[in-house]
Amino acid sequence: MRHVIYHIFAPAIMPALFFRIATIPVEVLGCRTKGLIALSIAFISGLAALGTAFVSAKGRKRGDPSAIWWVGSSIILALPVIALLILA
């Protein structure tokens, strides 16, 4: 259960936050503010995805069985970056 919380639910906060900002009407935050917030969330999530991918690669190299959880975290954290590229 600990792996699910740390590697699935915790990284899922970033895509949920990104999509929540993306669905807020422009009248609430303004176009510029909304875009900058979404961009910063996607940037931070992308950096975290690169970090978890690096940890996963090190773990797979050593034969660590929990490295697959890090791959899942990387995929989840890459979702806002992919969504930003599609929406932009």
N, C-alpha and C. Protein backbone atom coordinates (compact mmCIF):
# COMPACT_ATOMS: atom_id res chain seq x y z
N MET A 1 0.82 -1.19 0.00
CA MET A 1 0.00 0.00 0.00
C MET A 1 0.87 1.26 0.00
N ARG A 2 2.03 1.17 0.62
CA ARG A 2 2.92 2.32 0.68
C ARG A 2 3.40 2.73 -0.70
N HIS A 3 3.68 1.73 -1.56
CA HIS A 3 4.13 2.03 -2.92
C HIS A 3 3.03 2.74 -3.71
N VAL A 4 1.81 2.33 -3.51
CA VAL A 4 0.70 2.95 -4.23
C VAL A 4 0.54 4.41 -3.82
N ILE A 5 0.67 4.69 -2.55
CA ILE A 5 0.53 6.07 -2.08
C ILE A 5 1.68 6.93 -2.59
N TYR A 6 2.92 6.45 -2.45
CA TYR A 6 4.07 7.25 -2.83
C TYR A 6 4.28 7.36 -4.33
N HIS A 7 3.94 6.34 -5.08
CA HIS A 7 4.27 6.33 -6.50
C HIS A 7 3.08 6.52 -7.42
N ILE A 8 1.87 6.46 -6.91
CA ILE A 8 0.70 6.67 -7.75
C ILE A 8 -0.08 7.90 -7.30
N PHE A 9 -0.50 7.93 -6.04
CA PHE A 9 -1.34 9.02 -5.57
C PHE A 9 -0.59 10.34 -5.42
N ALA A 10 0.61 10.32 -4.88
CA ALA A 10 1.37 11.56 -4.71
C ALA A 10 1.73 12.20 -6.05
N PRO A 11 2.24 11.47 -7.04
CA PRO A 11 2.51 12.11 -8.34
C PRO A 11 1.24 12.51 -9.08
N ALA A 12 0.13 11.88 -8.79
CA ALA A 12 -1.13 12.21 -9.48
C ALA A 12 -1.67 13.58 -9.09
N ILE A 13 -1.09 14.18 -8.07
CA ILE A 13 -1.51 15.53 -7.67
C ILE A 13 -1.16 16.54 -8.77
N MET A 14 0.00 16.39 -9.40
CA MET A 14 0.42 17.34 -10.43
C MET A 14 -0.51 17.34 -11.65
N PRO A 15 -0.82 16.17 -12.25
CA PRO A 15 -1.77 16.22 -13.36
C PRO A 15 -3.16 16.71 -12.96
N ALA A 16 -3.60 16.34 -11.76
CA ALA A 16 -4.91 16.81 -11.30
C ALA A 16 -4.92 18.32 -11.15
N LEU A 17 -3.85 18.88 -10.62
CA LEU A 17 -3.73 20.33 -10.48
C LEU A 17 -3.68 21.01 -11.84
N PHE A 18 -2.93 20.43 -12.76
CA PHE A 18 -2.82 20.99 -14.10
C PHE A 18 -4.17 21.02 -14.80
N PHE A 19 -4.87 19.89 -14.77
CA PHE A 19 -6.16 19.83 -15.46
C PHE A 19 -7.22 20.67 -14.76
N ARG A 20 -7.09 20.86 -13.47
CA ARG A 20 -8.01 21.74 -12.75
C ARG A 20 -7.79 23.18 -13.20
N ILE A 21 -6.55 23.61 -13.32
CA ILE A 21 -6.25 24.96 -13.79
C ILE A 21 -6.72 25.12 -15.24
N ALA A 22 -6.54 24.08 -16.05
CA ALA A 22 -6.92 24.15 -17.46
C ALA A 22 -8.44 24.25 -17.64
N THR A 23 -9.20 23.74 -16.70
CA THR A 23 -10.66 23.77 -16.84
C THR A 23 -11.31 24.98 -16.18
N ILE A 24 -10.55 25.76 -15.44
CA ILE A 24 -11.11 26.96 -14.82
C ILE A 24 -11.39 27.98 -15.93
N PRO A 25 -12.53 28.64 -15.89
CA PRO A 25 -12.82 29.65 -16.92
C PRO A 25 -11.81 30.79 -16.89
N VAL A 26 -11.59 31.39 -18.03
CA VAL A 26 -10.61 32.47 -18.16
C VAL A 26 -11.02 33.68 -17.32
N GLU A 27 -12.29 33.87 -17.12
CA GLU A 27 -12.76 35.03 -16.36
C GLU A 27 -12.35 34.98 -14.89
N VAL A 28 -12.05 33.80 -14.40
CA VAL A 28 -11.68 33.66 -12.98
C VAL A 28 -10.26 34.15 -12.73
N LEU A 29 -9.31 33.67 -13.51
CA LEU A 29 -7.91 34.01 -13.28
C LEU A 29 -7.31 34.96 -14.32
N GLY A 30 -7.89 35.01 -15.47
CA GLY A 30 -7.30 35.77 -16.56
C GLY A 30 -6.45 34.84 -17.41
N CYS A 31 -6.34 35.17 -18.67
CA CYS A 31 -5.68 34.28 -19.61
C CYS A 31 -4.18 34.14 -19.30
N ARG A 32 -3.53 35.27 -19.04
CA ARG A 32 -2.09 35.25 -18.77
C ARG A 32 -1.75 34.49 -17.50
N THR A 33 -2.47 34.77 -16.44
CA THR A 33 -2.22 34.11 -15.16
C THR A 33 -2.48 32.62 -15.25
N LYS A 34 -3.57 32.28 -15.88
CA LYS A 34 -3.92 30.87 -16.05
C LYS A 34 -2.85 30.13 -16.84
N GLY A 35 -2.36 30.75 -17.91
CA GLY A 35 -1.31 30.14 -18.72
C GLY A 35 0.00 30.00 -17.98
N LEU A 36 0.36 31.02 -17.22
CA LEU A 36 1.62 30.96 -16.46
C LEU A 36 1.57 29.91 -15.35
N ILE A 37 0.42 29.79 -14.71
CA ILE A 37 0.28 28.77 -13.67
C ILE A 37 0.36 27.37 -14.29
N ALA A 38 -0.34 27.17 -15.41
CA ALA A 38 -0.30 25.87 -16.08
C ALA A 38 1.11 25.56 -16.58
N LEU A 39 1.80 26.55 -17.11
CA LEU A 39 3.17 26.36 -17.58
C LEU A 39 4.10 26.00 -16.43
N SER A 40 3.96 26.67 -15.30
CA SER A 40 4.84 26.37 -14.17
C SER A 40 4.55 24.99 -13.59
N ILE A 41 3.29 24.59 -13.54
CA ILE A 41 2.96 23.25 -13.07
C ILE A 41 3.54 22.20 -14.01
N ALA A 42 3.41 22.42 -15.31
CA ALA A 42 3.95 21.47 -16.28
C ALA A 42 5.48 21.42 -16.21
N PHE A 43 6.13 22.56 -16.00
CA PHE A 43 7.59 22.59 -15.90
C PHE A 43 8.08 21.83 -14.67
N ILE A 44 7.46 22.09 -13.53
CA ILE A 44 7.84 21.39 -12.30
C ILE A 44 7.58 19.90 -12.42
N SER A 45 6.45 19.55 -13.00
CA SER A 45 6.12 18.14 -13.19
C SER A 45 7.10 17.48 -14.15
N GLY A 46 7.52 18.19 -15.19
CA GLY A 46 8.50 17.64 -16.12
C GLY A 46 9.85 17.40 -15.46
N LEU A 47 10.28 18.34 -14.63
CA LEU A 47 11.53 18.14 -13.89
C LEU A 47 11.44 16.96 -12.94
N ALA A 48 10.30 16.83 -12.28
CA ALA A 48 10.10 15.69 -11.38
C ALA A 48 10.06 14.38 -12.16
N ALA A 49 9.48 14.40 -13.36
CA ALA A 49 9.45 13.20 -14.20
C ALA A 49 10.87 12.80 -14.62
N LEU A 50 11.69 13.78 -14.96
CA LEU A 50 13.08 13.47 -15.30
C LEU A 50 13.83 12.89 -14.10
N GLY A 51 13.58 13.45 -12.92
CA GLY A 51 14.22 12.94 -11.72
C GLY A 51 13.81 11.52 -11.39
N THR A 52 12.53 11.24 -11.50
CA THR A 52 12.08 9.88 -11.21
C THR A 52 12.53 8.89 -12.28
N ALA A 53 12.65 9.36 -13.52
CA ALA A 53 13.18 8.48 -14.57
C ALA A 53 14.64 8.14 -14.30
N PHE A 54 15.39 9.10 -13.80
CA PHE A 54 16.79 8.85 -13.44
C PHE A 54 16.89 7.84 -12.30
N VAL A 55 16.05 8.01 -11.28
CA VAL A 55 16.04 7.07 -10.15
C VAL A 55 15.64 5.68 -10.64
N SER A 56 14.67 5.63 -11.54
CA SER A 56 14.23 4.35 -12.09
C SER A 56 15.35 3.67 -12.88
N ALA A 57 16.07 4.44 -13.67
CA ALA A 57 17.16 3.87 -14.46
C ALA A 57 18.27 3.33 -13.56
N LYS A 58 18.57 4.07 -12.49
CA LYS A 58 19.57 3.57 -11.54
C LYS A 58 19.10 2.30 -10.85
N GLY A 59 17.82 2.26 -10.49
CA GLY A 59 17.28 1.08 -9.82
C GLY A 59 17.25 -0.14 -10.72
N ARG A 60 16.90 0.05 -11.98
CA ARG A 60 16.86 -1.08 -12.91
C ARG A 60 18.27 -1.59 -13.19
N LYS A 61 19.23 -0.69 -13.18
CA LYS A 61 20.62 -1.07 -13.40
C LYS A 61 21.14 -1.94 -12.26
N ARG A 62 20.69 -1.63 -11.05
CA ARG A 62 21.10 -2.41 -9.87
C ARG A 62 20.23 -3.64 -9.66
N GLY A 63 19.14 -3.76 -10.39
CA GLY A 63 18.24 -4.91 -10.21
C GLY A 63 17.24 -4.71 -9.09
N ASP A 64 16.94 -3.48 -8.78
CA ASP A 64 15.98 -3.17 -7.71
C ASP A 64 14.56 -3.50 -8.16
N PRO A 65 13.83 -4.33 -7.42
CA PRO A 65 12.47 -4.69 -7.84
C PRO A 65 11.47 -3.55 -7.75
N SER A 66 11.76 -2.51 -6.98
CA SER A 66 10.83 -1.39 -6.87
C SER A 66 11.05 -0.34 -7.96
N ALA A 67 11.95 -0.61 -8.90
CA ALA A 67 12.21 0.37 -9.96
C ALA A 67 11.01 0.54 -10.87
N ILE A 68 10.17 -0.45 -11.00
CA ILE A 68 8.99 -0.34 -11.85
C ILE A 68 8.02 0.68 -11.29
N TRP A 69 8.00 0.86 -9.98
CA TRP A 69 7.15 1.87 -9.38
C TRP A 69 7.62 3.27 -9.78
N TRP A 70 8.93 3.45 -9.90
CA TRP A 70 9.46 4.73 -10.32
C TRP A 70 9.11 5.02 -11.78
N VAL A 71 9.04 3.98 -12.60
CA VAL A 71 8.62 4.16 -14.00
C VAL A 71 7.18 4.67 -14.04
N GLY A 72 6.33 4.08 -13.22
CA GLY A 72 4.94 4.54 -13.14
C GLY A 72 4.84 5.99 -12.70
N SER A 73 5.66 6.37 -11.73
CA SER A 73 5.68 7.76 -11.28
C SER A 73 6.11 8.69 -12.41
N SER A 74 7.10 8.27 -13.18
CA SER A 74 7.58 9.09 -14.30
C SER A 74 6.49 9.29 -15.34
N ILE A 75 5.76 8.25 -15.64
CA ILE A 75 4.68 8.35 -16.63
C ILE A 75 3.59 9.29 -16.14
N ILE A 76 3.22 9.16 -14.89
CA ILE A 76 2.18 10.02 -14.32
C ILE A 76 2.63 11.48 -14.31
N LEU A 77 3.89 11.72 -13.95
CA LEU A 77 4.39 13.09 -13.88
C LEU A 77 4.60 13.70 -15.26
N ALA A 78 4.71 12.89 -16.29
CA ALA A 78 4.89 13.42 -17.65
C ALA A 78 3.57 13.84 -18.28
N LEU A 79 2.45 13.47 -17.72
CA LEU A 79 1.14 13.80 -18.30
C LEU A 79 0.90 15.30 -18.47
N PRO A 80 1.21 16.18 -17.50
CA PRO A 80 0.99 17.61 -17.73
C PRO A 80 1.85 18.17 -18.87
N VAL A 81 3.05 17.67 -19.03
CA VAL A 81 3.90 18.15 -20.11
C VAL A 81 3.30 17.76 -21.46
N ILE A 82 2.85 16.52 -21.58
CA ILE A 82 2.23 16.06 -22.83
C ILE A 82 0.94 16.84 -23.09
N ALA A 83 0.15 17.05 -22.06
CA ALA A 83 -1.10 17.80 -22.22
C ALA A 83 -0.83 19.24 -22.63
N LEU A 84 0.22 19.84 -22.07
CA LEU A 84 0.55 21.22 -22.43
C LEU A 84 0.96 21.30 -23.90
N LEU A 85 1.71 20.32 -24.36
CA LEU A 85 2.12 20.31 -25.76
C LEU A 85 0.92 20.11 -26.69
N ILE A 86 -0.03 19.29 -26.27
CA ILE A 86 -1.21 19.07 -27.10
C ILE A 86 -2.13 20.29 -27.09
N LEU A 87 -2.31 20.89 -25.91
CA LEU A 87 -3.23 22.03 -25.80
C LEU A 87 -2.65 23.32 -26.37
N ALA A 88 -1.35 23.43 -26.42
CA ALA A 88 -0.73 24.68 -26.90
C ALA A 88 -0.65 24.70 -28.35
